[in-house]
Amino acid sequence: MTPPDRNPESASAAWRLMFDFLMRSSPQRLESLHSRGLTPNDSRVLFTLDREGARPIGALARQWGSDPSTATWLVDRLERAGLAERSPAPDDRRVKLVQLTEKGAATRKELMEEYYRTPREVAALSAGDLEELIRIFSKLNQSGE
């Protein structure tokens, strides 16, 4: 259950400002993807898969809110790039399981390192502002668990 808005105007303004900053900083993330020949959808797939524990394409499609043919197409792209691999499920060969390859796991790790590079606007904030951001985003991240 969602708690009632304490101050909907302020919440809306805060969200717009966060969203605007994320959108303004998106070229950095897009460049990381494009330098590897990847798209944002490829990234979505890459960050969903694990090196351990293969997952059925049907389950991935449901998680991504897509149909199985779209999920198959997305997995095909990563498989051609050597980032993912599929195999038949041991109990039902009609079911295809997907997992990251070593290259896929390494690529995901590299992307995260690049994504986590501090934008200059954030680095320029005062120590107090940074502590406040850490407090706020820690709270936001905990509420999503």
N, C-alpha and C. Protein backbone atom coordinates (compact mmCIF):
# COMPACT_ATOMS: atom_id res chain seq x y z
N MET A 1 0.84 -1.18 0.00
CA MET A 1 0.00 0.00 0.00
C MET A 1 0.89 1.25 0.00
N THR A 2 0.54 2.20 -0.83
CA THR A 2 1.30 3.42 -0.96
C THR A 2 0.84 4.42 0.09
N PRO A 3 1.80 5.01 0.84
CA PRO A 3 1.39 6.01 1.83
C PRO A 3 0.84 7.25 1.13
N PRO A 4 -0.06 7.97 1.79
CA PRO A 4 -0.61 9.18 1.17
C PRO A 4 0.49 10.22 0.98
N ASP A 5 0.35 11.02 -0.07
CA ASP A 5 1.32 12.08 -0.32
C ASP A 5 1.28 13.10 0.81
N ARG A 6 2.44 13.34 1.38
CA ARG A 6 2.52 14.37 2.44
C ARG A 6 2.56 15.75 1.81
N ASN A 7 3.24 15.84 0.68
CA ASN A 7 3.35 17.10 -0.02
C ASN A 7 3.51 16.78 -1.51
N PRO A 8 2.40 16.54 -2.21
CA PRO A 8 2.50 16.08 -3.61
C PRO A 8 3.23 17.06 -4.53
N GLU A 9 3.10 18.35 -4.30
CA GLU A 9 3.78 19.32 -5.16
C GLU A 9 5.29 19.21 -5.00
N SER A 10 5.75 19.11 -3.76
CA SER A 10 7.19 18.99 -3.52
C SER A 10 7.73 17.66 -4.03
N ALA A 11 6.96 16.60 -3.82
CA ALA A 11 7.39 15.28 -4.31
C ALA A 11 7.50 15.30 -5.82
N SER A 12 6.54 15.91 -6.47
CA SER A 12 6.55 16.00 -7.93
C SER A 12 7.74 16.83 -8.42
N ALA A 13 7.99 17.95 -7.76
CA ALA A 13 9.13 18.80 -8.14
C ALA A 13 10.45 18.07 -7.94
N ALA A 14 10.59 17.36 -6.83
CA ALA A 14 11.82 16.61 -6.56
C ALA A 14 12.03 15.53 -7.62
N TRP A 15 10.96 14.81 -7.95
CA TRP A 15 11.09 13.75 -8.96
C TRP A 15 11.47 14.34 -10.32
N ARG A 16 10.83 15.43 -10.71
CA ARG A 16 11.16 16.05 -12.01
C ARG A 16 12.62 16.45 -12.05
N LEU A 17 13.13 17.02 -10.96
CA LEU A 17 14.53 17.43 -10.93
C LEU A 17 15.48 16.23 -11.01
N MET A 18 15.16 15.16 -10.28
CA MET A 18 15.98 13.94 -10.36
C MET A 18 15.94 13.37 -11.76
N PHE A 19 14.74 13.28 -12.33
CA PHE A 19 14.58 12.72 -13.66
C PHE A 19 15.34 13.56 -14.69
N ASP A 20 15.20 14.88 -14.60
CA ASP A 20 15.90 15.76 -15.54
C ASP A 20 17.41 15.56 -15.46
N PHE A 21 17.94 15.42 -14.26
CA PHE A 21 19.38 15.20 -14.11
C PHE A 21 19.79 13.86 -14.72
N LEU A 22 19.00 12.82 -14.46
CA LEU A 22 19.33 11.51 -15.03
C LEU A 22 19.27 11.56 -16.56
N MET A 23 18.30 12.25 -17.10
CA MET A 23 18.21 12.37 -18.56
C MET A 23 19.37 13.18 -19.13
N ARG A 24 19.75 14.25 -18.46
CA ARG A 24 20.87 15.07 -18.92
C ARG A 24 22.18 14.30 -18.87
N SER A 25 22.30 13.39 -17.92
CA SER A 25 23.53 12.61 -17.79
C SER A 25 23.49 11.31 -18.59
N SER A 26 22.39 11.05 -19.29
CA SER A 26 22.28 9.79 -20.04
C SER A 26 23.25 9.65 -21.20
N PRO A 27 23.71 10.74 -21.85
CA PRO A 27 24.68 10.54 -22.93
C PRO A 27 25.94 9.79 -22.50
N GLN A 28 26.37 9.98 -21.27
CA GLN A 28 27.53 9.25 -20.75
C GLN A 28 27.24 7.75 -20.75
N ARG A 29 26.06 7.36 -20.30
CA ARG A 29 25.70 5.94 -20.27
C ARG A 29 25.50 5.40 -21.69
N LEU A 30 24.88 6.18 -22.54
CA LEU A 30 24.67 5.75 -23.92
C LEU A 30 26.00 5.55 -24.65
N GLU A 31 26.95 6.42 -24.40
CA GLU A 31 28.27 6.27 -25.03
C GLU A 31 28.93 4.97 -24.60
N SER A 32 28.80 4.61 -23.32
CA SER A 32 29.34 3.35 -22.83
C SER A 32 28.73 2.17 -23.58
N LEU A 33 27.42 2.23 -23.82
CA LEU A 33 26.75 1.17 -24.56
C LEU A 33 27.17 1.16 -26.02
N HIS A 34 27.10 2.32 -26.66
CA HIS A 34 27.38 2.40 -28.09
C HIS A 34 28.81 1.99 -28.41
N SER A 35 29.74 2.28 -27.51
CA SER A 35 31.13 1.89 -27.77
C SER A 35 31.29 0.37 -27.82
N ARG A 36 30.31 -0.34 -27.31
CA ARG A 36 30.31 -1.81 -27.32
C ARG A 36 29.30 -2.37 -28.32
N GLY A 37 28.66 -1.49 -29.08
CA GLY A 37 27.66 -1.94 -30.05
C GLY A 37 26.36 -2.37 -29.40
N LEU A 38 26.08 -1.84 -28.21
CA LEU A 38 24.88 -2.23 -27.47
C LEU A 38 23.86 -1.10 -27.45
N THR A 39 22.61 -1.48 -27.24
CA THR A 39 21.51 -0.53 -27.13
C THR A 39 21.01 -0.53 -25.69
N PRO A 40 20.16 0.45 -25.33
CA PRO A 40 19.58 0.42 -23.99
C PRO A 40 18.81 -0.88 -23.71
N ASN A 41 18.11 -1.42 -24.70
CA ASN A 41 17.42 -2.69 -24.48
C ASN A 41 18.40 -3.83 -24.25
N ASP A 42 19.53 -3.82 -24.96
CA ASP A 42 20.56 -4.83 -24.71
C ASP A 42 21.04 -4.72 -23.26
N SER A 43 21.20 -3.51 -22.80
CA SER A 43 21.64 -3.29 -21.42
C SER A 43 20.64 -3.86 -20.44
N ARG A 44 19.38 -3.64 -20.72
CA ARG A 44 18.32 -4.18 -19.85
C ARG A 44 18.44 -5.69 -19.73
N VAL A 45 18.67 -6.35 -20.85
CA VAL A 45 18.83 -7.80 -20.84
C VAL A 45 20.09 -8.18 -20.08
N LEU A 46 21.18 -7.50 -20.37
CA LEU A 46 22.46 -7.80 -19.75
C LEU A 46 22.39 -7.71 -18.23
N PHE A 47 21.67 -6.72 -17.73
CA PHE A 47 21.59 -6.53 -16.29
C PHE A 47 20.54 -7.42 -15.62
N THR A 48 19.75 -8.12 -16.42
CA THR A 48 18.76 -9.06 -15.88
C THR A 48 19.35 -10.45 -15.70
N LEU A 49 20.30 -10.79 -16.56
CA LEU A 49 20.85 -12.14 -16.56
C LEU A 49 21.96 -12.29 -15.54
N ASP A 50 22.23 -13.55 -15.19
CA ASP A 50 23.32 -13.88 -14.26
C ASP A 50 24.26 -14.85 -14.95
N ARG A 51 25.46 -14.93 -14.43
CA ARG A 51 26.42 -15.92 -14.91
C ARG A 51 26.02 -17.29 -14.37
N GLU A 52 25.53 -17.31 -13.16
CA GLU A 52 25.03 -18.54 -12.54
C GLU A 52 23.52 -18.54 -12.68
N GLY A 53 22.94 -19.67 -12.79
CA GLY A 53 21.48 -19.74 -12.79
C GLY A 53 20.83 -19.24 -14.06
N ALA A 54 20.73 -20.09 -15.06
CA ALA A 54 20.06 -19.74 -16.30
C ALA A 54 18.57 -19.57 -16.05
N ARG A 55 17.94 -18.71 -16.88
CA ARG A 55 16.51 -18.43 -16.72
C ARG A 55 15.78 -18.68 -18.02
N PRO A 56 14.55 -19.18 -17.94
CA PRO A 56 13.77 -19.42 -19.17
C PRO A 56 13.42 -18.11 -19.87
N ILE A 57 13.43 -18.17 -21.20
CA ILE A 57 13.08 -16.97 -21.98
C ILE A 57 11.68 -16.49 -21.64
N GLY A 58 10.74 -17.41 -21.41
CA GLY A 58 9.38 -17.00 -21.07
C GLY A 58 9.33 -16.19 -19.78
N ALA A 59 10.10 -16.60 -18.78
CA ALA A 59 10.15 -15.84 -17.52
C ALA A 59 10.78 -14.48 -17.74
N LEU A 60 11.80 -14.42 -18.58
CA LEU A 60 12.43 -13.13 -18.88
C LEU A 60 11.44 -12.22 -19.59
N ALA A 61 10.69 -12.77 -20.54
CA ALA A 61 9.69 -11.97 -21.25
C ALA A 61 8.68 -11.37 -20.28
N ARG A 62 8.22 -12.17 -19.34
CA ARG A 62 7.26 -11.65 -18.35
C ARG A 62 7.90 -10.54 -17.53
N GLN A 63 9.14 -10.73 -17.10
CA GLN A 63 9.82 -9.72 -16.29
C GLN A 63 9.99 -8.43 -17.08
N TRP A 64 10.30 -8.54 -18.35
CA TRP A 64 10.51 -7.36 -19.19
C TRP A 64 9.22 -6.76 -19.72
N GLY A 65 8.09 -7.43 -19.49
CA GLY A 65 6.82 -6.94 -20.00
C GLY A 65 6.75 -7.02 -21.52
N SER A 66 7.35 -8.06 -22.07
CA SER A 66 7.34 -8.22 -23.52
C SER A 66 6.78 -9.59 -23.89
N ASP A 67 6.57 -9.79 -25.16
CA ASP A 67 6.13 -11.11 -25.60
C ASP A 67 7.37 -11.99 -25.80
N PRO A 68 7.20 -13.30 -25.80
CA PRO A 68 8.35 -14.20 -25.93
C PRO A 68 9.17 -13.98 -27.21
N SER A 69 8.52 -13.60 -28.31
CA SER A 69 9.28 -13.39 -29.54
C SER A 69 10.22 -12.18 -29.42
N THR A 70 9.78 -11.14 -28.74
CA THR A 70 10.64 -9.98 -28.51
C THR A 70 11.79 -10.37 -27.59
N ALA A 71 11.50 -11.12 -26.55
CA ALA A 71 12.55 -11.58 -25.63
C ALA A 71 13.57 -12.43 -26.39
N THR A 72 13.08 -13.28 -27.27
CA THR A 72 13.98 -14.12 -28.07
C THR A 72 14.87 -13.25 -28.95
N TRP A 73 14.29 -12.23 -29.57
CA TRP A 73 15.05 -11.31 -30.42
C TRP A 73 16.14 -10.60 -29.61
N LEU A 74 15.79 -10.14 -28.41
CA LEU A 74 16.77 -9.46 -27.56
C LEU A 74 17.89 -10.41 -27.15
N VAL A 75 17.54 -11.62 -26.77
CA VAL A 75 18.55 -12.61 -26.39
C VAL A 75 19.42 -12.95 -27.60
N ASP A 76 18.81 -13.05 -28.79
CA ASP A 76 19.58 -13.31 -30.01
C ASP A 76 20.70 -12.28 -30.19
N ARG A 77 20.37 -11.01 -29.96
CA ARG A 77 21.38 -9.94 -30.11
C ARG A 77 22.56 -10.16 -29.17
N LEU A 78 22.26 -10.46 -27.91
CA LEU A 78 23.35 -10.66 -26.95
C LEU A 78 24.12 -11.94 -27.25
N GLU A 79 23.42 -12.94 -27.73
CA GLU A 79 24.08 -14.20 -28.06
C GLU A 79 25.05 -14.00 -29.24
N ARG A 80 24.62 -13.25 -30.27
CA ARG A 80 25.51 -12.97 -31.41
C ARG A 80 26.75 -12.19 -30.96
N ALA A 81 26.59 -11.35 -29.95
CA ALA A 81 27.72 -10.57 -29.43
C ALA A 81 28.58 -11.37 -28.47
N GLY A 82 28.18 -12.61 -28.17
CA GLY A 82 28.95 -13.45 -27.25
C GLY A 82 28.74 -13.11 -25.78
N LEU A 83 27.66 -12.37 -25.49
CA LEU A 83 27.41 -11.91 -24.12
C LEU A 83 26.45 -12.82 -23.35
N ALA A 84 25.67 -13.59 -24.08
CA ALA A 84 24.70 -14.50 -23.45
C ALA A 84 24.71 -15.81 -24.23
N GLU A 85 24.24 -16.84 -23.56
CA GLU A 85 24.12 -18.13 -24.22
C GLU A 85 22.82 -18.78 -23.77
N ARG A 86 22.27 -19.57 -24.66
CA ARG A 86 21.05 -20.28 -24.31
C ARG A 86 21.31 -21.78 -24.45
N SER A 87 20.54 -22.51 -23.67
CA SER A 87 20.65 -23.97 -23.70
C SER A 87 19.27 -24.54 -23.40
N PRO A 88 19.02 -25.77 -23.84
CA PRO A 88 17.72 -26.37 -23.54
C PRO A 88 17.63 -26.71 -22.05
N ALA A 89 16.43 -26.57 -21.49
CA ALA A 89 16.21 -26.96 -20.10
C ALA A 89 16.37 -28.47 -19.99
N PRO A 90 17.00 -28.96 -18.94
CA PRO A 90 17.22 -30.40 -18.84
C PRO A 90 15.94 -31.21 -18.75
N ASP A 91 14.88 -30.64 -18.20
CA ASP A 91 13.63 -31.38 -18.03
C ASP A 91 12.62 -31.15 -19.16
N ASP A 92 12.88 -30.15 -20.03
CA ASP A 92 11.98 -29.87 -21.15
C ASP A 92 12.78 -29.15 -22.23
N ARG A 93 13.20 -29.89 -23.24
CA ARG A 93 14.08 -29.34 -24.27
C ARG A 93 13.42 -28.22 -25.08
N ARG A 94 12.10 -28.07 -24.98
CA ARG A 94 11.42 -26.98 -25.69
C ARG A 94 11.68 -25.65 -25.00
N VAL A 95 12.00 -25.68 -23.70
CA VAL A 95 12.27 -24.47 -22.93
C VAL A 95 13.73 -24.11 -23.09
N LYS A 96 13.97 -22.86 -23.48
CA LYS A 96 15.34 -22.39 -23.63
C LYS A 96 15.73 -21.56 -22.41
N LEU A 97 16.86 -21.92 -21.82
CA LEU A 97 17.41 -21.21 -20.67
C LEU A 97 18.49 -20.26 -21.15
N VAL A 98 18.56 -19.09 -20.52
CA VAL A 98 19.51 -18.06 -20.93
C VAL A 98 20.35 -17.66 -19.72
N GLN A 99 21.65 -17.48 -19.97
CA GLN A 99 22.53 -16.96 -18.93
C GLN A 99 23.65 -16.17 -19.58
N LEU A 100 24.33 -15.37 -18.78
CA LEU A 100 25.47 -14.60 -19.26
C LEU A 100 26.64 -15.52 -19.55
N THR A 101 27.45 -15.12 -20.51
CA THR A 101 28.73 -15.77 -20.73
C THR A 101 29.76 -15.04 -19.86
N GLU A 102 30.98 -15.54 -19.83
CA GLU A 102 32.04 -14.82 -19.11
C GLU A 102 32.21 -13.43 -19.69
N LYS A 103 32.18 -13.33 -21.03
CA LYS A 103 32.30 -12.03 -21.68
C LYS A 103 31.14 -11.12 -21.28
N GLY A 104 29.92 -11.68 -21.18
CA GLY A 104 28.77 -10.90 -20.77
C GLY A 104 28.92 -10.37 -19.35
N ALA A 105 29.40 -11.22 -18.45
CA ALA A 105 29.60 -10.79 -17.06
C ALA A 105 30.68 -9.71 -16.99
N ALA A 106 31.74 -9.87 -17.78
CA ALA A 106 32.81 -8.87 -17.79
C ALA A 106 32.31 -7.55 -18.36
N THR A 107 31.51 -7.63 -19.42
CA THR A 107 30.95 -6.42 -20.04
C THR A 107 30.03 -5.70 -19.06
N ARG A 108 29.20 -6.45 -18.37
CA ARG A 108 28.30 -5.84 -17.38
C ARG A 108 29.11 -5.16 -16.28
N LYS A 109 30.17 -5.80 -15.82
CA LYS A 109 31.03 -5.21 -14.78
C LYS A 109 31.67 -3.91 -15.29
N GLU A 110 32.17 -3.93 -16.52
CA GLU A 110 32.77 -2.72 -17.11
C GLU A 110 31.74 -1.60 -17.21
N LEU A 111 30.55 -1.94 -17.67
CA LEU A 111 29.50 -0.92 -17.78
C LEU A 111 29.17 -0.32 -16.42
N MET A 112 29.07 -1.15 -15.41
CA MET A 112 28.75 -0.63 -14.08
C MET A 112 29.85 0.31 -13.59
N GLU A 113 31.09 -0.05 -13.85
CA GLU A 113 32.19 0.84 -13.45
C GLU A 113 32.07 2.19 -14.15
N GLU A 114 31.72 2.16 -15.43
CA GLU A 114 31.54 3.41 -16.17
C GLU A 114 30.30 4.16 -15.69
N TYR A 115 29.21 3.46 -15.46
CA TYR A 115 27.98 4.11 -14.98
C TYR A 115 28.20 4.75 -13.61
N TYR A 116 29.03 4.13 -12.80
CA TYR A 116 29.26 4.64 -11.45
C TYR A 116 30.28 5.78 -11.39
N ARG A 117 30.84 6.17 -12.53
CA ARG A 117 31.74 7.33 -12.52
C ARG A 117 30.91 8.55 -12.11
N THR A 118 31.44 9.29 -11.18
CA THR A 118 30.71 10.42 -10.62
C THR A 118 30.61 11.56 -11.63
N PRO A 119 29.38 11.99 -11.95
CA PRO A 119 29.23 13.16 -12.82
C PRO A 119 29.84 14.39 -12.15
N ARG A 120 30.39 15.27 -12.95
CA ARG A 120 31.08 16.45 -12.39
C ARG A 120 30.14 17.30 -11.55
N GLU A 121 28.85 17.34 -11.90
CA GLU A 121 27.90 18.13 -11.12
C GLU A 121 27.75 17.58 -9.71
N VAL A 122 27.81 16.27 -9.58
CA VAL A 122 27.71 15.65 -8.25
C VAL A 122 29.02 15.87 -7.49
N ALA A 123 30.13 15.69 -8.16
CA ALA A 123 31.44 15.87 -7.51
C ALA A 123 31.63 17.29 -7.00
N ALA A 124 30.96 18.25 -7.63
CA ALA A 124 31.12 19.66 -7.24
C ALA A 124 30.29 20.04 -6.01
N LEU A 125 29.42 19.14 -5.55
CA LEU A 125 28.58 19.46 -4.39
C LEU A 125 29.41 19.50 -3.11
N SER A 126 28.92 20.25 -2.14
CA SER A 126 29.60 20.32 -0.84
C SER A 126 29.48 18.99 -0.10
N ALA A 127 30.33 18.81 0.89
CA ALA A 127 30.29 17.59 1.69
C ALA A 127 28.92 17.42 2.34
N GLY A 128 28.35 18.51 2.84
CA GLY A 128 27.03 18.43 3.46
C GLY A 128 25.95 18.03 2.48
N ASP A 129 25.99 18.60 1.28
CA ASP A 129 25.01 18.24 0.25
C ASP A 129 25.15 16.77 -0.13
N LEU A 130 26.39 16.31 -0.25
CA LEU A 130 26.62 14.90 -0.61
C LEU A 130 26.09 13.97 0.49
N GLU A 131 26.34 14.33 1.73
CA GLU A 131 25.83 13.52 2.85
C GLU A 131 24.30 13.46 2.82
N GLU A 132 23.68 14.58 2.50
CA GLU A 132 22.21 14.63 2.42
C GLU A 132 21.70 13.77 1.26
N LEU A 133 22.37 13.84 0.12
CA LEU A 133 21.98 12.99 -1.01
C LEU A 133 22.13 11.52 -0.66
N ILE A 134 23.21 11.18 -0.01
CA ILE A 134 23.43 9.78 0.39
C ILE A 134 22.32 9.33 1.33
N ARG A 135 21.96 10.17 2.28
CA ARG A 135 20.89 9.84 3.22
C ARG A 135 19.57 9.63 2.48
N ILE A 136 19.24 10.55 1.61
CA ILE A 136 17.96 10.49 0.89
C ILE A 136 17.91 9.28 -0.05
N PHE A 137 18.96 9.09 -0.84
CA PHE A 137 18.93 7.98 -1.80
C PHE A 137 19.04 6.63 -1.10
N SER A 138 19.71 6.58 0.03
CA SER A 138 19.72 5.34 0.82
C SER A 138 18.30 5.00 1.26
N LYS A 139 17.59 6.01 1.71
CA LYS A 139 16.20 5.80 2.14
C LYS A 139 15.34 5.36 0.96
N LEU A 140 15.50 6.00 -0.21
CA LEU A 140 14.73 5.63 -1.39
C LEU A 140 15.03 4.21 -1.82
N ASN A 141 16.30 3.83 -1.80
CA ASN A 141 16.69 2.47 -2.22
C ASN A 141 16.20 1.42 -1.25
N GLN A 142 16.14 1.74 0.03
CA GLN A 142 15.63 0.78 1.02
C GLN A 142 14.14 0.58 0.86
N SER A 143 13.42 1.62 0.46
CA SER A 143 11.97 1.48 0.34
C SER A 143 11.60 0.62 -0.87
N GLY A 144 12.52 0.43 -1.81
CA GLY A 144 12.23 -0.39 -2.98
C GLY A 144 12.54 -1.85 -2.79
N GLU A 145 13.03 -2.24 -1.63
CA GLU A 145 13.41 -3.64 -1.39
C GLU A 145 12.25 -4.45 -0.88
